[in-house]
Amino acid sequence: MLSPGQKLGPYEILAPIGSGGMGEVYRARDTRRDRSVAVKVLPSRVTVLASALLTAGVNSNAAPAAAAKSLINLPKIDMVYPPYGSIFDRTSGEFLKQGQADSALIRAAGARRAEFQARWDRVGPKYLTVVWDSIGLAFPYREMQACLTVTSISSMSMPLIINVRSFLGQGDNSRPQEDFTETVFHELMHHYVMPVRNVSALRRKYAAEPSTTLNHLHVMALEKFALLRLGKTEELKHLDHLYRTEPPPAYYKRAWEIVNDIEGYSPFIEELRALRK
């Protein structure tokens, strides 16, 4: 049962209307158009079917407004790490040179897999909801698996690999636990911005930059946008420091400079919004 004030994407729940075997129906407000809608939540998946309600004073025999449909498609992210280590750990040259995988790191990552999952589940959907509410493009996948690793390879989006070595609290290169959600969000946004790559005027404007820099422009704009919307000013300061002062890859620093100091993040957000029209 949803509560008044709760949000499903752009819809703010106002009051329950009824329920049955096919789901629950609520009166809600479409915050994008400032109008009343009926929201139906199906039991098998979170699907919102929004139909414009007749406004007060309109003849009940009049034809209703055209139905508006919107699928709330926040992807479910599963953190995967087998007890014996990921495939990347077991085949890594770094560990193979030792004759066996670094069992201490593998045990630590395996013991904390559920912790990483809980951290994402607690905070990650808030990031994704901000993107959905503001951009409106559907996410490309309903479910994704993030393969955790403790090798020295960087986190990446395709395939979705999250390096948790620096989050295990071992050594001088350990990172704050809060960075984990931001790391996963960053890699997910590479998938989210794929539709804009071939039509972006901003990418053409900066075509002289390396492709790795171009591929991070909209991603970093979404990072800054989400952190601002969520009021995470300290996290944004930390991210700014990370991108400006950390060692290579240099394209991180260059992309962040374009998004912050040269172009600003807003034009990249507007380009993404334009795709939903």
Protein backbone atom coordinates (compact mmCIF):
# COMPACT_ATOMS: atom_id res chain seq x y z
CA MET A 1 0.00 0.00 0.00
CA LEU A 2 1.39 3.37 -1.04
CA SER A 3 1.16 6.39 1.25
CA PRO A 4 0.03 9.94 0.40
CA GLY A 5 3.03 12.00 -0.63
CA GLN A 6 4.97 9.00 -1.91
CA LYS A 7 6.29 9.33 -5.46
CA LEU A 8 6.35 6.91 -8.36
CA GLY A 9 8.47 8.66 -10.94
CA PRO A 10 6.66 11.91 -11.82
CA TYR A 11 3.47 10.89 -9.99
CA GLU A 12 2.78 12.02 -6.42
CA ILE A 13 0.33 9.75 -4.61
CA LEU A 14 -2.64 11.62 -3.10
CA ALA A 15 -5.09 8.96 -1.90
CA PRO A 16 -6.10 5.32 -2.55
CA ILE A 17 -9.09 4.71 -4.83
CA GLY A 18 -9.44 0.94 -4.65
CA SER A 19 -7.69 -2.41 -4.91
CA GLY A 20 -8.32 -5.88 -6.25
CA GLY A 21 -6.70 -8.92 -7.80
CA MET A 22 -5.25 -6.85 -10.63
CA GLY A 23 -3.53 -4.33 -8.40
CA GLU A 24 -4.10 -1.07 -6.55
CA VAL A 25 -5.43 2.21 -7.93
CA TYR A 26 -4.55 5.61 -6.48
CA ARG A 27 -5.47 9.20 -7.14
CA ALA A 28 -2.24 11.04 -7.90
CA ARG A 29 -0.82 14.24 -9.34
CA ASP A 30 1.30 14.30 -12.48
CA THR A 31 4.00 16.76 -11.36
CA ARG A 32 5.16 17.36 -14.93
CA ARG A 33 1.77 18.62 -16.13
CA ASP A 34 0.21 19.57 -12.77
CA ARG A 35 -2.95 17.54 -13.32
CA SER A 36 -4.82 14.76 -11.56
CA VAL A 37 -4.30 11.21 -12.78
CA ALA A 38 -5.26 7.68 -11.80
CA VAL A 39 -2.26 5.47 -11.08
CA LYS A 40 -2.53 1.68 -11.19
CA VAL A 41 0.21 -0.42 -9.60
CA LEU A 42 0.24 -4.00 -10.82
CA PRO A 43 1.35 -6.67 -8.36
CA SER A 44 3.87 -8.35 -10.65
CA ARG A 45 5.89 -5.24 -11.50
CA VAL A 46 5.75 -1.55 -10.83
CA THR A 47 3.83 -0.22 -13.79
CA VAL A 48 2.07 3.07 -13.83
CA LEU A 49 -0.82 3.60 -16.19
CA ALA A 50 -1.79 7.24 -15.95
CA SER A 51 -5.14 8.33 -17.35
CA ALA A 52 -6.25 11.94 -17.18
CA LEU A 53 -9.19 12.31 -14.81
CA LEU A 54 -12.08 14.59 -15.66
CA THR A 55 -11.50 17.88 -13.90
CA ALA A 56 -14.15 19.35 -11.61
CA GLY A 57 -16.97 21.01 -13.51
CA VAL A 58 -16.55 18.97 -16.71
CA ASN A 59 -19.64 17.06 -17.87
CA SER A 60 -19.24 13.42 -16.88
CA ASN A 61 -20.54 12.37 -20.31
CA ALA A 62 -17.74 14.19 -22.08
CA ALA A 63 -15.03 12.11 -23.67
CA PRO A 64 -12.03 11.79 -21.30
CA ALA A 65 -8.67 13.15 -22.29
CA ALA A 66 -6.33 10.83 -24.15
CA ALA A 67 -4.71 8.37 -21.77
CA ALA A 68 -1.08 8.97 -20.93
CA LYS A 69 1.07 5.94 -20.28
CA SER A 70 4.36 5.80 -18.52
CA LEU A 71 6.40 2.79 -17.50
CA ILE A 72 8.44 3.23 -14.35
CA ASN A 73 11.45 1.17 -15.22
CA LEU A 74 14.08 1.54 -12.54
CA PRO A 75 16.50 -1.31 -13.13
CA LYS A 76 17.13 -3.88 -10.43
CA ILE A 77 20.88 -4.16 -9.85
CA ASP A 78 22.27 -7.40 -8.39
CA MET A 79 25.79 -7.41 -6.97
CA VAL A 80 27.44 -10.69 -7.96
CA TYR A 81 30.51 -12.21 -6.31
CA PRO A 82 31.01 -15.99 -6.05
CA PRO A 83 32.65 -17.34 -2.86
CA TYR A 84 35.75 -18.34 -4.83
CA GLY A 85 36.09 -14.93 -6.49
CA SER A 86 34.87 -13.46 -9.75
CA ILE A 87 36.12 -14.66 -13.12
CA PHE A 88 38.19 -11.48 -13.34
CA ASP A 89 39.90 -12.29 -10.05
CA ARG A 90 40.62 -15.90 -10.95
CA THR A 91 42.11 -15.07 -14.36
CA SER A 92 43.90 -11.87 -13.43
CA GLY A 93 47.61 -11.80 -14.24
CA GLU A 94 48.15 -9.87 -11.02
CA PHE A 95 46.94 -12.80 -8.93
CA LEU A 96 48.09 -15.62 -11.20
CA LYS A 97 51.69 -14.44 -10.83
CA GLN A 98 51.35 -15.23 -7.14
CA GLY A 99 50.40 -18.79 -7.94
CA GLN A 100 46.91 -18.29 -6.58
CA ALA A 101 44.34 -15.56 -6.17
CA ASP A 102 44.77 -13.26 -3.20
CA SER A 103 42.52 -15.26 -0.89
CA ALA A 104 42.37 -12.55 1.78
CA LEU A 105 40.92 -10.01 -0.64
CA ILE A 106 38.54 -12.57 -2.09
CA ARG A 107 37.31 -13.60 1.33
CA ALA A 108 36.82 -9.95 2.29
CA ALA A 109 34.86 -9.17 -0.87
CA GLY A 110 32.76 -12.30 -0.53
CA ALA A 111 31.96 -11.55 3.10
CA ARG A 112 30.81 -8.04 2.22
CA ARG A 113 28.87 -8.72 -0.99
CA ALA A 114 25.55 -8.43 0.87
CA GLU A 115 26.75 -5.18 2.44
CA PHE A 116 27.50 -3.72 -0.98
CA GLN A 117 24.10 -4.86 -2.21
CA ALA A 118 22.36 -3.26 0.78
CA ARG A 119 24.24 -0.02 0.30
CA TRP A 120 23.13 0.20 -3.32
CA ASP A 121 19.54 -0.79 -2.52
CA ARG A 122 19.34 1.87 0.17
CA VAL A 123 20.68 4.82 -1.82
CA GLY A 124 21.02 3.85 -5.49
CA PRO A 125 17.32 3.98 -6.44
CA LYS A 126 17.19 7.58 -5.19
CA TYR A 127 19.80 8.52 -7.78
CA LEU A 128 17.91 6.68 -10.52
CA THR A 129 14.58 8.22 -9.51
CA VAL A 130 16.05 11.73 -9.81
CA VAL A 131 17.15 10.88 -13.34
CA TRP A 132 13.76 9.38 -14.24
CA ASP A 133 11.80 12.28 -12.80
CA SER A 134 13.87 14.89 -14.58
CA ILE A 135 14.91 13.27 -17.85
CA GLY A 136 12.05 10.86 -18.51
CA LEU A 137 13.93 8.41 -20.73
CA ALA A 138 13.38 4.74 -19.97
CA PHE A 139 16.33 2.76 -18.68
CA PRO A 140 17.55 0.26 -21.27
CA TYR A 141 17.37 -2.81 -18.98
CA ARG A 142 14.96 -4.07 -16.34
CA GLU A 143 17.66 -6.00 -14.47
CA MET A 144 21.45 -5.90 -14.49
CA GLN A 145 24.19 -7.81 -12.74
CA ALA A 146 27.20 -5.93 -11.44
CA CYS A 147 30.18 -8.25 -11.21
CA LEU A 148 32.37 -7.24 -8.27
CA THR A 149 36.10 -7.64 -8.49
CA VAL A 150 39.18 -7.04 -6.33
CA THR A 151 41.76 -6.98 -9.13
CA SER A 152 43.49 -3.78 -10.21
CA ILE A 153 41.23 -3.27 -13.23
CA SER A 154 39.03 -0.19 -13.21
CA SER A 155 35.28 -0.28 -12.82
CA MET A 156 33.57 -0.29 -16.21
CA SER A 157 30.11 -0.16 -17.71
CA MET A 158 30.19 -2.77 -20.49
CA PRO A 159 30.31 -5.34 -19.03
CA LEU A 160 29.20 -3.87 -15.72
CA ILE A 161 32.17 -4.42 -13.40
CA ILE A 162 32.60 -2.68 -10.06
CA ASN A 163 36.01 -2.76 -8.45
CA VAL A 164 35.51 -2.96 -4.68
CA ARG A 165 39.14 -3.36 -3.68
CA SER A 166 39.40 0.25 -2.48
CA PHE A 167 36.17 -0.14 -0.47
CA LEU A 168 37.50 -2.99 1.65
CA GLY A 169 39.35 -0.61 3.95
CA GLN A 170 42.75 -2.12 3.30
CA GLY A 171 45.82 -0.04 2.43
CA ASP A 172 46.44 3.62 1.72
CA ASN A 173 44.12 3.72 -1.29
CA SER A 174 40.93 2.92 0.60
CA ARG A 175 37.91 5.05 -0.34
CA PRO A 176 34.87 6.20 1.67
CA GLN A 177 31.98 3.74 1.59
CA GLU A 178 29.73 6.52 0.27
CA ASP A 179 31.70 6.43 -2.99
CA PHE A 180 30.40 2.94 -3.77
CA THR A 181 26.90 4.08 -4.78
CA GLU A 182 28.33 6.91 -6.85
CA THR A 183 30.66 4.45 -8.62
CA VAL A 184 27.80 2.13 -9.58
CA PHE A 185 25.63 5.09 -10.64
CA HIS A 186 28.42 6.42 -12.84
CA GLU A 187 28.76 3.13 -14.71
CA LEU A 188 24.98 2.73 -15.09
CA MET A 189 24.71 6.19 -16.64
CA HIS A 190 26.97 5.08 -19.48
CA HIS A 191 24.14 2.73 -20.47
CA TYR A 192 21.49 5.39 -19.93
CA VAL A 193 23.05 8.01 -22.22
CA MET A 194 23.66 5.67 -25.17
CA PRO A 195 20.71 7.10 -27.20
CA VAL A 196 22.27 10.57 -27.25
CA ARG A 197 25.66 9.58 -28.61
CA ASN A 198 24.80 9.67 -32.31
CA VAL A 199 22.61 12.80 -32.19
CA SER A 200 24.43 15.04 -29.71
CA ALA A 201 25.35 18.49 -30.98
CA LEU A 202 27.55 18.91 -27.92
CA ARG A 203 29.58 15.83 -28.81
CA ARG A 204 30.06 17.29 -32.29
CA LYS A 205 31.12 20.60 -30.75
CA TYR A 206 33.89 18.85 -28.83
CA ALA A 207 34.67 16.33 -31.58
CA ALA A 208 38.39 17.09 -31.34
CA GLU A 209 38.44 15.51 -27.87
CA PRO A 210 39.22 11.78 -27.47
CA SER A 211 36.21 9.47 -27.58
CA THR A 212 36.79 8.50 -23.96
CA THR A 213 36.32 12.14 -22.97
CA LEU A 214 33.20 12.50 -25.13
CA ASN A 215 31.68 9.34 -23.64
CA HIS A 216 31.89 10.86 -20.15
CA LEU A 217 30.32 14.26 -20.82
CA HIS A 218 26.64 13.40 -20.37
CA VAL A 219 27.49 10.86 -17.66
CA MET A 220 29.30 13.44 -15.54
CA ALA A 221 26.57 16.01 -16.17
CA LEU A 222 24.05 13.50 -14.77
CA GLU A 223 26.29 12.84 -11.77
CA LYS A 224 26.46 16.53 -10.91
CA PHE A 225 22.75 17.01 -11.61
CA ALA A 226 21.72 14.09 -9.38
CA LEU A 227 23.97 15.13 -6.49
CA LEU A 228 22.62 18.68 -6.62
CA ARG A 229 19.01 17.49 -6.74
CA LEU A 230 19.62 15.17 -3.78
CA GLY A 231 21.31 17.94 -1.79
CA LYS A 232 24.55 15.97 -1.53
CA THR A 233 26.87 18.97 -1.55
CA GLU A 234 29.68 17.28 0.35
CA GLU A 235 29.62 14.33 -2.03
CA LEU A 236 29.75 16.75 -4.96
CA LYS A 237 32.79 18.51 -3.46
CA HIS A 238 34.45 15.13 -3.01
CA LEU A 239 33.66 14.15 -6.61
CA ASP A 240 35.01 17.47 -7.89
CA HIS A 241 38.24 16.90 -5.97
CA LEU A 242 38.45 13.31 -7.23
CA TYR A 243 38.04 14.21 -10.91
CA ARG A 244 40.37 17.22 -10.78
CA THR A 245 43.25 15.86 -8.74
CA GLU A 246 43.34 12.07 -9.05
CA PRO A 247 45.98 10.47 -11.31
CA PRO A 248 45.10 9.14 -14.81
CA PRO A 249 42.88 8.53 -16.68
CA ALA A 250 43.28 12.11 -17.88
CA TYR A 251 39.97 12.02 -19.79
CA TYR A 252 38.13 12.12 -16.45
CA LYS A 253 39.68 15.48 -15.64
CA ARG A 254 39.08 16.89 -19.13
CA ALA A 255 35.44 15.77 -19.28
CA TRP A 256 34.81 17.22 -15.82
CA GLU A 257 36.37 20.53 -16.89
CA ILE A 258 34.04 20.73 -19.89
CA VAL A 259 30.97 19.87 -17.83
CA ASN A 260 31.81 22.27 -15.00
CA ASP A 261 34.06 25.07 -16.22
CA ILE A 262 33.52 25.40 -19.97
CA GLU A 263 30.05 24.32 -21.05
CA GLY A 264 28.28 23.78 -17.75
CA TYR A 265 26.23 20.68 -16.98
CA SER A 266 22.78 22.06 -17.90
CA PRO A 267 23.15 21.89 -21.74
CA PHE A 268 23.95 18.18 -21.48
CA ILE A 269 20.87 17.60 -19.32
CA GLU A 270 18.70 19.52 -21.79
CA GLU A 271 20.02 17.40 -24.65
CA LEU A 272 18.93 14.27 -22.85
CA ARG A 273 15.51 15.75 -22.06
CA ALA A 274 15.01 16.61 -25.72
CA LEU A 275 15.18 12.91 -26.63
CA ARG A 276 11.87 12.18 -24.87
CA LYS A 277 9.91 14.56 -27.12
